[in-house]
Amino acid sequence: MELVEWRDANFEFDPNLNSDWEADADYINATIGWTKETELWLLVVSEITPGGERSVTRIPKDNVVSRKRLEIIENDTKRRPYPSNPPGLN
């Protein structure tokens, strides 16, 4: 599993809006899941079912800001397999 931070390819910055979250033109998303790479895309899979992969986020490789491999802890209810304060979830 990985935490992937990426710039939204479809984000349209509107300088005429005064909202705080749009003040930064580098709008960054954070997605957690299993990753696969193709020539142009980084695929982040959130669910793997007996029928196959579901909830796949396709991110253009050029938009990836960072990737962090996460530790998965079996049978431990006190720790989480992701940072305690992921970016964008303050």
PDB file of N, CA and C in Angstrom:
ATOM      1  N   MET A   1       0.838  -1.187   0.000  1.00  0.00           N
ATOM      2  CA  MET A   1       0.000   0.000   0.000  1.00  0.00           C
ATOM      3  C   MET A   1       0.878   1.243   0.000  1.00  0.00           C
ATOM      4  N   GLU A   2       0.351   2.270  -0.613  1.00  0.00           N
ATOM      5  CA  GLU A   2       1.087   3.534  -0.675  1.00  0.00           C
ATOM      6  C   GLU A   2       0.154   4.717  -0.448  1.00  0.00           C
ATOM      7  N   LEU A   3       0.729   5.782   0.072  1.00  0.00           N
ATOM      8  CA  LEU A   3       0.068   7.081   0.129  1.00  0.00           C
ATOM      9  C   LEU A   3       0.621   7.870  -1.058  1.00  0.00           C
ATOM     10  N   VAL A   4      -0.262   8.258  -1.965  1.00  0.00           N
ATOM     11  CA  VAL A   4       0.151   8.986  -3.170  1.00  0.00           C
ATOM     12  C   VAL A   4      -0.417  10.398  -3.107  1.00  0.00           C
ATOM     13  N   GLU A   5       0.455  11.383  -3.208  1.00  0.00           N
ATOM     14  CA  GLU A   5       0.028  12.783  -3.296  1.00  0.00           C
ATOM     15  C   GLU A   5       0.163  13.204  -4.752  1.00  0.00           C
ATOM     16  N   TRP A   6      -0.865  13.887  -5.261  1.00  0.00           N
ATOM     17  CA  TRP A   6      -0.867  14.228  -6.677  1.00  0.00           C
ATOM     18  C   TRP A   6      -1.670  15.485  -6.950  1.00  0.00           C
ATOM     19  N   ARG A   7      -1.288  16.161  -8.047  1.00  0.00           N
ATOM     20  CA  ARG A   7      -1.999  17.351  -8.498  1.00  0.00           C
ATOM     21  C   ARG A   7      -3.179  16.914  -9.348  1.00  0.00           C
ATOM     22  N   ASP A   8      -4.319  17.479  -9.097  1.00  0.00           N
ATOM     23  CA  ASP A   8      -5.526  17.147  -9.841  1.00  0.00           C
ATOM     24  C   ASP A   8      -5.407  17.669 -11.273  1.00  0.00           C
ATOM     25  N   ALA A   9      -5.483  16.768 -12.248  1.00  0.00           N
ATOM     26  CA  ALA A   9      -5.343  17.149 -13.649  1.00  0.00           C
ATOM     27  C   ALA A   9      -6.504  18.014 -14.124  1.00  0.00           C
ATOM     28  N   ASN A  10      -7.674  17.906 -13.487  1.00  0.00           N
ATOM     29  CA  ASN A  10      -8.860  18.645 -13.917  1.00  0.00           C
ATOM     30  C   ASN A  10      -9.155  19.865 -13.057  1.00  0.00           C
ATOM     31  N   PHE A  11      -8.288  20.170 -12.088  1.00  0.00           N
ATOM     32  CA  PHE A  11      -8.519  21.304 -11.216  1.00  0.00           C
ATOM     33  C   PHE A  11      -8.361  22.597 -12.000  1.00  0.00           C
ATOM     34  N   GLU A  12      -9.348  23.465 -11.914  1.00  0.00           N
ATOM     35  CA  GLU A  12      -9.295  24.753 -12.589  1.00  0.00           C
ATOM     36  C   GLU A  12      -9.272  25.854 -11.542  1.00  0.00           C
ATOM     37  N   PHE A  13      -8.136  26.494 -11.422  1.00  0.00           N
ATOM     38  CA  PHE A  13      -7.975  27.569 -10.459  1.00  0.00           C
ATOM     39  C   PHE A  13      -8.727  28.801 -10.938  1.00  0.00           C
ATOM     40  N   ASP A  14      -9.543  29.363 -10.068  1.00  0.00           N
ATOM     41  CA  ASP A  14     -10.298  30.576 -10.402  1.00  0.00           C
ATOM     42  C   ASP A  14      -9.814  31.707  -9.494  1.00  0.00           C
ATOM     43  N   PRO A  15      -8.964  32.598  -9.991  1.00  0.00           N
ATOM     44  CA  PRO A  15      -8.419  33.678  -9.151  1.00  0.00           C
ATOM     45  C   PRO A  15      -9.483  34.665  -8.673  1.00  0.00           C
ATOM     46  N   ASN A  16     -10.688  34.619  -9.255  1.00  0.00           N
ATOM     47  CA  ASN A  16     -11.755  35.534  -8.850  1.00  0.00           C
ATOM     48  C   ASN A  16     -12.489  35.060  -7.596  1.00  0.00           C
ATOM     49  N   LEU A  17     -12.310  33.802  -7.216  1.00  0.00           N
ATOM     50  CA  LEU A  17     -12.945  33.292  -6.002  1.00  0.00           C
ATOM     51  C   LEU A  17     -12.069  33.605  -4.796  1.00  0.00           C
ATOM     52  N   ASN A  18     -12.682  33.861  -3.679  1.00  0.00           N
ATOM     53  CA  ASN A  18     -11.930  34.214  -2.473  1.00  0.00           C
ATOM     54  C   ASN A  18     -11.862  33.082  -1.458  1.00  0.00           C
ATOM     55  N   SER A  19     -12.215  31.859  -1.844  1.00  0.00           N
ATOM     56  CA  SER A  19     -12.199  30.758  -0.883  1.00  0.00           C
ATOM     57  C   SER A  19     -10.764  30.374  -0.536  1.00  0.00           C
ATOM     58  N   ASP A  20     -10.541  29.999   0.726  1.00  0.00           N
ATOM     59  CA  ASP A  20      -9.199  29.654   1.201  1.00  0.00           C
ATOM     60  C   ASP A  20      -8.608  28.451   0.470  1.00  0.00           C
ATOM     61  N   TRP A  21      -9.435  27.413   0.231  1.00  0.00           N
ATOM     62  CA  TRP A  21      -8.890  26.198  -0.371  1.00  0.00           C
ATOM     63  C   TRP A  21      -8.476  26.406  -1.818  1.00  0.00           C
ATOM     64  N   GLU A  22      -8.962  27.452  -2.459  1.00  0.00           N
ATOM     65  CA  GLU A  22      -8.565  27.711  -3.834  1.00  0.00           C
ATOM     66  C   GLU A  22      -7.445  28.748  -3.922  1.00  0.00           C
ATOM     67  N   ALA A  23      -6.926  29.161  -2.793  1.00  0.00           N
ATOM     68  CA  ALA A  23      -5.879  30.178  -2.794  1.00  0.00           C
ATOM     69  C   ALA A  23      -4.571  29.644  -3.375  1.00  0.00           C
ATOM     70  N   ASP A  24      -4.388  28.328  -3.326  1.00  0.00           N
ATOM     71  CA  ASP A  24      -3.159  27.713  -3.818  1.00  0.00           C
ATOM     72  C   ASP A  24      -3.449  27.005  -5.140  1.00  0.00           C
ATOM     73  N   ALA A  25      -2.777  27.415  -6.202  1.00  0.00           N
ATOM     74  CA  ALA A  25      -3.006  26.827  -7.522  1.00  0.00           C
ATOM     75  C   ALA A  25      -2.530  25.376  -7.585  1.00  0.00           C
ATOM     76  N   ASP A  26      -1.663  24.950  -6.670  1.00  0.00           N
ATOM     77  CA  ASP A  26      -1.193  23.570  -6.622  1.00  0.00           C
ATOM     78  C   ASP A  26      -2.091  22.749  -5.711  1.00  0.00           C
ATOM     79  N   TYR A  27      -3.303  22.522  -6.149  1.00  0.00           N
ATOM     80  CA  TYR A  27      -4.278  21.754  -5.375  1.00  0.00           C
ATOM     81  C   TYR A  27      -3.812  20.298  -5.321  1.00  0.00           C
ATOM     82  N   ILE A  28      -3.499  19.798  -4.119  1.00  0.00           N
ATOM     83  CA  ILE A  28      -2.919  18.470  -3.948  1.00  0.00           C
ATOM     84  C   ILE A  28      -3.947  17.508  -3.344  1.00  0.00           C
ATOM     85  N   ASN A  29      -4.081  16.330  -3.956  1.00  0.00           N
ATOM     86  CA  ASN A  29      -4.928  15.252  -3.442  1.00  0.00           C
ATOM     87  C   ASN A  29      -4.047  14.218  -2.766  1.00  0.00           C
ATOM     88  N   ALA A  30      -4.635  13.430  -1.883  1.00  0.00           N
ATOM     89  CA  ALA A  30      -3.941  12.301  -1.255  1.00  0.00           C
ATOM     90  C   ALA A  30      -4.840  11.080  -1.396  1.00  0.00           C
ATOM     91  N   THR A  31      -4.276   9.990  -1.927  1.00  0.00           N
ATOM     92  CA  THR A  31      -5.018   8.752  -2.139  1.00  0.00           C
ATOM     93  C   THR A  31      -4.200   7.595  -1.577  1.00  0.00           C
ATOM     94  N   ILE A  32      -4.869   6.671  -0.888  1.00  0.00           N
ATOM     95  CA  ILE A  32      -4.211   5.506  -0.310  1.00  0.00           C
ATOM     96  C   ILE A  32      -4.734   4.257  -0.995  1.00  0.00           C
ATOM     97  N   GLY A  33      -3.818   3.355  -1.380  1.00  0.00           N
ATOM     98  CA  GLY A  33      -4.223   2.095  -1.983  1.00  0.00           C
ATOM     99  C   GLY A  33      -3.031   1.325  -2.520  1.00  0.00           C
ATOM    100  N   TRP A  34      -3.344   0.212  -3.173  1.00  0.00           N
ATOM    101  CA  TRP A  34      -2.323  -0.584  -3.835  1.00  0.00           C
ATOM    102  C   TRP A  34      -2.029   0.074  -5.168  1.00  0.00           C
ATOM    103  N   THR A  35      -0.767   0.083  -5.593  1.00  0.00           N
ATOM    104  CA  THR A  35      -0.405   0.811  -6.799  1.00  0.00           C
ATOM    105  C   THR A  35       0.101  -0.111  -7.900  1.00  0.00           C
ATOM    106  N   LYS A  36      -0.185   0.292  -9.129  1.00  0.00           N
ATOM    107  CA  LYS A  36       0.336  -0.354 -10.336  1.00  0.00           C
ATOM    108  C   LYS A  36       0.696   0.760 -11.302  1.00  0.00           C
ATOM    109  N   GLU A  37       1.728   0.523 -12.098  1.00  0.00           N
ATOM    110  CA  GLU A  37       2.155   1.538 -13.063  1.00  0.00           C
ATOM    111  C   GLU A  37       1.976   1.046 -14.485  1.00  0.00           C
ATOM    112  N   THR A  38       1.568   1.974 -15.347  1.00  0.00           N
ATOM    113  CA  THR A  38       1.595   1.745 -16.786  1.00  0.00           C
ATOM    114  C   THR A  38       2.542   2.787 -17.361  1.00  0.00           C
ATOM    115  N   GLU A  39       2.643   2.842 -18.658  1.00  0.00           N
ATOM    116  CA  GLU A  39       3.562   3.801 -19.265  1.00  0.00           C
ATOM    117  C   GLU A  39       3.207   5.244 -18.917  1.00  0.00           C
ATOM    118  N   LEU A  40       1.896   5.563 -18.887  1.00  0.00           N
ATOM    119  CA  LEU A  40       1.463   6.941 -18.658  1.00  0.00           C
ATOM    120  C   LEU A  40       0.792   7.172 -17.316  1.00  0.00           C
ATOM    121  N   TRP A  41       0.312   6.113 -16.670  1.00  0.00           N
ATOM    122  CA  TRP A  41      -0.535   6.257 -15.489  1.00  0.00           C
ATOM    123  C   TRP A  41       0.033   5.554 -14.264  1.00  0.00           C
ATOM    124  N   LEU A  42      -0.293   6.121 -13.093  1.00  0.00           N
ATOM    125  CA  LEU A  42      -0.125   5.422 -11.825  1.00  0.00           C
ATOM    126  C   LEU A  42      -1.548   5.078 -11.387  1.00  0.00           C
ATOM    127  N   LEU A  43      -1.824   3.800 -11.214  1.00  0.00           N
ATOM    128  CA  LEU A  43      -3.149   3.352 -10.798  1.00  0.00           C
ATOM    129  C   LEU A  43      -3.122   3.082  -9.304  1.00  0.00           C
ATOM    130  N   VAL A  44      -4.078   3.640  -8.577  1.00  0.00           N
ATOM    131  CA  VAL A  44      -4.194   3.413  -7.142  1.00  0.00           C
ATOM    132  C   VAL A  44      -5.513   2.670  -6.923  1.00  0.00           C
ATOM    133  N   VAL A  45      -5.406   1.424  -6.457  1.00  0.00           N
ATOM    134  CA  VAL A  45      -6.568   0.555  -6.281  1.00  0.00           C
ATOM    135  C   VAL A  45      -6.965   0.563  -4.814  1.00  0.00           C
ATOM    136  N   SER A  46      -8.194   0.993  -4.525  1.00  0.00           N
ATOM    137  CA  SER A  46      -8.669   1.078  -3.144  1.00  0.00           C
ATOM    138  C   SER A  46      -9.296  -0.222  -2.663  1.00  0.00           C
ATOM    139  N   GLU A  47      -9.836  -1.023  -3.579  1.00  0.00           N
ATOM    140  CA  GLU A  47     -10.496  -2.273  -3.196  1.00  0.00           C
ATOM    141  C   GLU A  47     -10.065  -3.401  -4.120  1.00  0.00           C
ATOM    142  N   ILE A  48      -9.768  -4.555  -3.531  1.00  0.00           N
ATOM    143  CA  ILE A  48      -9.512  -5.763  -4.306  1.00  0.00           C
ATOM    144  C   ILE A  48     -10.512  -6.801  -3.820  1.00  0.00           C
ATOM    145  N   THR A  49     -11.407  -7.229  -4.711  1.00  0.00           N
ATOM    146  CA  THR A  49     -12.465  -8.174  -4.365  1.00  0.00           C
ATOM    147  C   THR A  49     -12.233  -9.488  -5.107  1.00  0.00           C
ATOM    148  N   PRO A  50     -12.975 -10.547  -4.758  1.00  0.00           N
ATOM    149  CA  PRO A  50     -12.839 -11.798  -5.513  1.00  0.00           C
ATOM    150  C   PRO A  50     -13.136 -11.611  -7.004  1.00  0.00           C
ATOM    151  N   GLY A  51     -13.935 -10.607  -7.346  1.00  0.00           N
ATOM    152  CA  GLY A  51     -14.258 -10.325  -8.739  1.00  0.00           C
ATOM    153  C   GLY A  51     -13.242  -9.439  -9.439  1.00  0.00           C
ATOM    154  N   GLY A  52     -12.251  -8.951  -8.717  1.00  0.00           N
ATOM    155  CA  GLY A  52     -11.226  -8.095  -9.317  1.00  0.00           C
ATOM    156  C   GLY A  52     -11.083  -6.775  -8.594  1.00  0.00           C
ATOM    157  N   GLU A  53     -10.401  -5.850  -9.239  1.00  0.00           N
ATOM    158  CA  GLU A  53     -10.120  -4.546  -8.646  1.00  0.00           C
ATOM    159  C   GLU A  53     -11.302  -3.608  -8.818  1.00  0.00           C
ATOM    160  N   ARG A  54     -11.552  -2.808  -7.766  1.00  0.00           N
ATOM    161  CA  ARG A  54     -12.601  -1.781  -7.810  1.00  0.00           C
ATOM    162  C   ARG A  54     -12.031  -0.495  -7.254  1.00  0.00           C
ATOM    163  N   SER A  55     -12.715   0.582  -7.507  1.00  0.00           N
ATOM    164  CA  SER A  55     -12.299   1.905  -7.003  1.00  0.00           C
ATOM    165  C   SER A  55     -10.868   2.221  -7.412  1.00  0.00           C
ATOM    166  N   VAL A  56     -10.633   2.270  -8.707  1.00  0.00           N
ATOM    167  CA  VAL A  56      -9.300   2.548  -9.239  1.00  0.00           C
ATOM    168  C   VAL A  56      -9.191   4.021  -9.600  1.00  0.00           C
ATOM    169  N   THR A  57      -8.199   4.700  -9.011  1.00  0.00           N
ATOM    170  CA  THR A  57      -7.907   6.092  -9.349  1.00  0.00           C
ATOM    171  C   THR A  57      -6.760   6.086 -10.346  1.00  0.00           C
ATOM    172  N   ARG A  58      -6.963   6.710 -11.499  1.00  0.00           N
ATOM    173  CA  ARG A  58      -5.928   6.782 -12.536  1.00  0.00           C
ATOM    174  C   ARG A  58      -5.309   8.176 -12.509  1.00  0.00           C
ATOM    175  N   ILE A  59      -4.011   8.208 -12.206  1.00  0.00           N
ATOM    176  CA  ILE A  59      -3.317   9.486 -12.059  1.00  0.00           C
ATOM    177  C   ILE A  59      -2.238   9.586 -13.142  1.00  0.00           C
ATOM    178  N   PRO A  60      -2.239  10.655 -13.929  1.00  0.00           N
ATOM    179  CA  PRO A  60      -1.139  10.830 -14.884  1.00  0.00           C
ATOM    180  C   PRO A  60       0.192  10.882 -14.128  1.00  0.00           C
ATOM    181  N   LYS A  61       1.174  10.123 -14.587  1.00  0.00           N
ATOM    182  CA  LYS A  61       2.457  10.058 -13.868  1.00  0.00           C
ATOM    183  C   LYS A  61       3.076  11.436 -13.649  1.00  0.00           C
ATOM    184  N   ASP A  62       2.892  12.348 -14.596  1.00  0.00           N
ATOM    185  CA  ASP A  62       3.462  13.691 -14.466  1.00  0.00           C
ATOM    186  C   ASP A  62       2.829  14.483 -13.322  1.00  0.00           C
ATOM    187  N   ASN A  63       1.664  14.047 -12.831  1.00  0.00           N
ATOM    188  CA  ASN A  63       0.962  14.769 -11.772  1.00  0.00           C
ATOM    189  C   ASN A  63       1.294  14.242 -10.375  1.00  0.00           C
ATOM    190  N   VAL A  64       2.048  13.148 -10.285  1.00  0.00           N
ATOM    191  CA  VAL A  64       2.397  12.580  -8.985  1.00  0.00           C
ATOM    192  C   VAL A  64       3.428  13.470  -8.303  1.00  0.00           C
ATOM    193  N   VAL A  65       3.107  13.888  -7.073  1.00  0.00           N
ATOM    194  CA  VAL A  65       3.998  14.748  -6.290  1.00  0.00           C
ATOM    195  C   VAL A  65       4.904  13.903  -5.412  1.00  0.00           C
ATOM    196  N   SER A  66       4.318  12.890  -4.741  1.00  0.00           N
ATOM    197  CA  SER A  66       5.115  12.018  -3.878  1.00  0.00           C
ATOM    198  C   SER A  66       4.414  10.677  -3.695  1.00  0.00           C
ATOM    199  N   ARG A  67       5.216   9.672  -3.319  1.00  0.00           N
ATOM    200  CA  ARG A  67       4.698   8.337  -3.012  1.00  0.00           C
ATOM    201  C   ARG A  67       5.385   7.859  -1.740  1.00  0.00           C
ATOM    202  N   LYS A  68       4.597   7.295  -0.817  1.00  0.00           N
ATOM    203  CA  LYS A  68       5.162   6.779   0.418  1.00  0.00           C
ATOM    204  C   LYS A  68       4.595   5.388   0.672  1.00  0.00           C
ATOM    205  N   ARG A  69       5.478   4.408   0.759  1.00  0.00           N
ATOM    206  CA  ARG A  69       5.067   3.043   1.047  1.00  0.00           C
ATOM    207  C   ARG A  69       4.595   2.972   2.500  1.00  0.00           C
ATOM    208  N   LEU A  70       3.458   2.309   2.723  1.00  0.00           N
ATOM    209  CA  LEU A  70       2.874   2.221   4.059  1.00  0.00           C
ATOM    210  C   LEU A  70       3.024   0.822   4.631  1.00  0.00           C
ATOM    211  N   GLU A  71       3.204   0.769   5.915  1.00  0.00           N
ATOM    212  CA  GLU A  71       3.319  -0.507   6.621  1.00  0.00           C
ATOM    213  C   GLU A  71       1.918  -0.988   6.991  1.00  0.00           C
ATOM    214  N   ILE A  72       1.630  -2.238   6.695  1.00  0.00           N
ATOM    215  CA  ILE A  72       0.346  -2.825   7.074  1.00  0.00           C
ATOM    216  C   ILE A  72       0.572  -3.654   8.328  1.00  0.00           C
ATOM    217  N   ILE A  73      -0.183  -3.355   9.356  1.00  0.00           N
ATOM    218  CA  ILE A  73      -0.035  -4.032  10.643  1.00  0.00           C
ATOM    219  C   ILE A  73      -1.244  -4.934  10.851  1.00  0.00           C
ATOM    220  N   GLU A  74      -1.008  -6.239  10.928  1.00  0.00           N
ATOM    221  CA  GLU A  74      -2.084  -7.213  11.110  1.00  0.00           C
ATOM    222  C   GLU A  74      -2.543  -7.239  12.564  1.00  0.00           C
ATOM    223  N   ASN A  75      -3.846  -7.288  12.768  1.00  0.00           N
ATOM    224  CA  ASN A  75      -4.452  -7.487  14.094  1.00  0.00           C
ATOM    225  C   ASN A  75      -3.995  -6.487  15.142  1.00  0.00           C
ATOM    226  N   ASP A  76      -3.804  -5.261  14.768  1.00  0.00           N
ATOM    227  CA  ASP A  76      -3.398  -4.224  15.716  1.00  0.00           C
ATOM    228  C   ASP A  76      -4.407  -3.084  15.613  1.00  0.00           C
ATOM    229  N   THR A  77      -5.267  -2.970  16.608  1.00  0.00           N
ATOM    230  CA  THR A  77      -6.318  -1.957  16.560  1.00  0.00           C
ATOM    231  C   THR A  77      -5.843  -0.594  17.051  1.00  0.00           C
ATOM    232  N   LYS A  78      -4.650  -0.522  17.621  1.00  0.00           N
ATOM    233  CA  LYS A  78      -4.153   0.745  18.161  1.00  0.00           C
ATOM    234  C   LYS A  78      -3.384   1.559  17.133  1.00  0.00           C
ATOM    235  N   ARG A  79      -2.861   0.912  16.095  1.00  0.00           N
ATOM    236  CA  ARG A  79      -2.071   1.621  15.093  1.00  0.00           C
ATOM    237  C   ARG A  79      -2.780   1.569  13.753  1.00  0.00           C
ATOM    238  N   ARG A  80      -2.547   2.565  12.944  1.00  0.00           N
ATOM    239  CA  ARG A  80      -3.169   2.645  11.630  1.00  0.00           C
ATOM    240  C   ARG A  80      -2.109   2.451  10.558  1.00  0.00           C
ATOM    241  N   PRO A  81      -2.469   1.865   9.396  1.00  0.00           N
ATOM    242  CA  PRO A  81      -1.479   1.659   8.331  1.00  0.00           C
ATOM    243  C   PRO A  81      -1.264   2.903   7.476  1.00  0.00           C
ATOM    244  N   TYR A  82      -1.441   4.096   8.061  1.00  0.00           N
ATOM    245  CA  TYR A  82      -1.224   5.340   7.338  1.00  0.00           C
ATOM    246  C   TYR A  82      -0.828   6.416   8.342  1.00  0.00           C
ATOM    247  N   PRO A  83      -0.271   7.503   7.891  1.00  0.00           N
ATOM    248  CA  PRO A  83       0.136   8.568   8.819  1.00  0.00           C
ATOM    249  C   PRO A  83      -1.067   9.054   9.643  1.00  0.00           C
ATOM    250  N   SER A  84      -0.817   9.463  10.874  1.00  0.00           N
ATOM    251  CA  SER A  84      -1.905   9.909  11.748  1.00  0.00           C
ATOM    252  C   SER A  84      -2.541  11.201  11.264  1.00  0.00           C
ATOM    253  N   ASN A  85      -1.833  11.973  10.470  1.00  0.00           N
ATOM    254  CA  ASN A  85      -2.355  13.231   9.981  1.00  0.00           C
ATOM    255  C   ASN A  85      -2.069  13.360   8.485  1.00  0.00           C
ATOM    256  N   PRO A  86      -2.795  12.573   7.619  1.00  0.00           N
ATOM    257  CA  PRO A  86      -2.513  12.638   6.188  1.00  0.00           C
ATOM    258  C   PRO A  86      -2.742  14.042   5.626  1.00  0.00           C
ATOM    259  N   PRO A  87      -1.967  14.437   4.623  1.00  0.00           N
ATOM    260  CA  PRO A  87      -2.144  15.744   4.013  1.00  0.00           C
ATOM    261  C   PRO A  87      -3.574  15.944   3.526  1.00  0.00           C
ATOM    262  N   GLY A  88      -4.116  17.104   3.771  1.00  0.00           N
ATOM    263  CA  GLY A  88      -5.459  17.419   3.316  1.00  0.00           C
ATOM    264  C   GLY A  88      -6.568  16.964   4.246  1.00  0.00           C
ATOM    265  N   LEU A  89      -6.213  16.243   5.323  1.00  0.00           N
ATOM    266  CA  LEU A  89      -7.231  15.752   6.254  1.00  0.00           C
ATOM    267  C   LEU A  89      -7.029  16.332   7.641  1.00  0.00           C
ATOM    268  N   ASN A  90      -6.638  17.577   7.716  1.00  0.00           N
ATOM    269  CA  ASN A  90      -6.376  18.231   9.005  1.00  0.00           C
ATOM    270  C   ASN A  90      -7.646  18.441   9.786  1.00  0.00           C
TER     271      ASN A  90
END
